Structure formats: structure tokens, C-alpha cells
């Protein structure tokens, strides 16, 4: 597994074809592309609250946006975003 450091945070580098629906382990990640990602060049954090509840929060280096989605009772929500100006 490869790692990168961004703003002092060690992140696991995922393959470009990684399906983010399968990334449910607590940690900080980077993926260039990725299946079920809201954009490319994407950093995200995973918080596994329980075996059935996961939060993913993502950040882009291309646009000034923040994304969030949740996995509750086996179902992923759509990505929701906030744009900063």
C-alpha cells in the first residue's frame, strides 16, 4: 500500500479504479478517480461509527468543495456538497 502526506496527514493512496463503496475502514485516503467518487483528485476520510453506519467526507484539490455521504443500514446516500467561495 502506498501513502502520501497532505497538510501533515498521512493518507492511504488507493488505485484509480477503487470503488469507494467498499472503503469502510476508518482512515484518511487519496484516490485519483475512483468508482462512486464525486470527483477526481479526491481526498477523503472515513469514520466507521458501527458495523452498519459509515461516514465519508471528501475534499477536492481542483474545486473548492466539500462532500459528505453516509452508509446506514446497508444503503449509501448520495454525495452532498458544500461549495466555498
Protein backbone atom coordinates (compact mmCIF):
# COMPACT_ATOMS: atom_id res chain seq x y z
CA UNK A 1 0.00 0.00 0.00
CA UNK A 2 1.25 3.46 -0.90
CA UNK A 3 0.91 6.53 1.29
CA UNK A 4 1.09 10.29 0.77
CA UNK A 5 1.21 13.18 3.22
CA UNK A 6 -1.11 16.13 2.63
CA UNK A 7 -1.21 19.05 5.09
CA UNK A 8 0.52 16.86 7.65
CA UNK A 9 -1.99 13.99 7.34
CA UNK A 10 -0.80 10.55 6.22
CA UNK A 11 -3.25 9.19 3.63
CA UNK A 12 -3.52 5.76 2.01
CA UNK A 13 -3.29 6.03 -1.79
CA UNK A 14 -5.97 3.91 -3.49
CA UNK A 15 -5.92 2.59 -7.08
CA UNK A 16 -7.75 4.75 -9.65
CA UNK A 17 -10.40 2.05 -10.11
CA UNK A 18 -11.15 1.65 -6.38
CA UNK A 19 -14.87 1.52 -5.53
CA UNK A 20 -15.41 3.93 -2.65
CA UNK A 21 -18.48 1.92 -1.63
CA UNK A 22 -16.01 -0.69 -0.39
CA UNK A 23 -13.82 1.74 1.59
CA UNK A 24 -15.40 1.49 5.04
CA UNK A 25 -12.35 1.24 7.31
CA UNK A 26 -11.51 4.25 9.49
CA UNK A 27 -8.75 6.31 7.92
CA UNK A 28 -7.63 9.02 5.53
CA UNK A 29 -7.39 8.24 1.81
CA UNK A 30 -6.48 9.67 -1.60
CA UNK A 31 -7.78 8.44 -4.96
CA UNK A 32 -7.30 9.86 -8.46
CA UNK A 33 -10.68 8.99 -9.95
CA UNK A 34 -12.33 6.11 -8.21
CA UNK A 35 -15.70 4.47 -8.69
CA UNK A 36 -18.52 6.18 -6.76
CA UNK A 37 -16.34 9.23 -6.05
CA UNK A 38 -17.90 12.65 -6.64
CA UNK A 39 -14.82 13.95 -8.47
CA UNK A 40 -11.23 13.25 -9.38
CA UNK A 41 -8.08 14.02 -7.36
CA UNK A 42 -10.09 13.29 -4.27
CA UNK A 43 -9.07 13.16 -0.61
CA UNK A 44 -11.47 11.65 1.88
CA UNK A 45 -11.81 10.48 5.45
CA UNK A 46 -13.83 7.51 6.65
CA UNK A 47 -15.46 7.28 10.06
CA UNK A 48 -16.94 3.87 10.83
CA UNK A 49 -19.47 4.52 13.57
CA UNK A 50 -20.74 0.91 13.74
CA UNK A 51 -20.85 -2.18 11.51
CA UNK A 52 -23.83 -0.67 9.67
CA UNK A 53 -23.01 3.07 9.85
CA UNK A 54 -20.18 4.80 7.96
CA UNK A 55 -19.50 8.44 7.11
CA UNK A 56 -17.27 9.51 4.21
CA UNK A 57 -16.17 13.16 3.97
CA UNK A 58 -14.29 14.24 0.85
CA UNK A 59 -12.16 17.15 -0.29
CA UNK A 60 -11.02 18.14 -3.79
CA UNK A 61 -7.80 19.83 -4.86
CA UNK A 62 -9.44 21.03 -8.09
CA UNK A 63 -12.56 22.80 -6.82
CA UNK A 64 -13.30 24.50 -3.51
CA UNK A 65 -15.86 21.91 -2.35
CA UNK A 66 -16.53 19.56 0.50
CA UNK A 67 -18.59 16.37 0.04
CA UNK A 68 -20.27 14.04 2.53
CA UNK A 69 -22.27 10.83 2.34
CA UNK A 70 -23.39 8.15 4.76
CA UNK A 71 -23.86 4.38 4.76
CA UNK A 72 -26.79 3.47 7.01
CA UNK A 73 -28.36 0.01 7.28
CA UNK A 74 -26.62 -1.18 4.11
CA UNK A 75 -27.52 1.79 1.86
CA UNK A 76 -25.21 4.59 0.66
CA UNK A 77 -26.74 8.06 0.48
CA UNK A 78 -25.99 10.34 -2.46
CA UNK A 79 -22.98 12.65 -2.10
CA UNK A 80 -23.99 16.07 -0.77
CA UNK A 81 -21.68 19.04 -1.32
CA UNK A 82 -20.91 22.47 0.03
CA UNK A 83 -19.12 24.98 -2.24
CA UNK A 84 -16.89 27.65 -0.77
CA UNK A 85 -16.17 30.98 -2.42
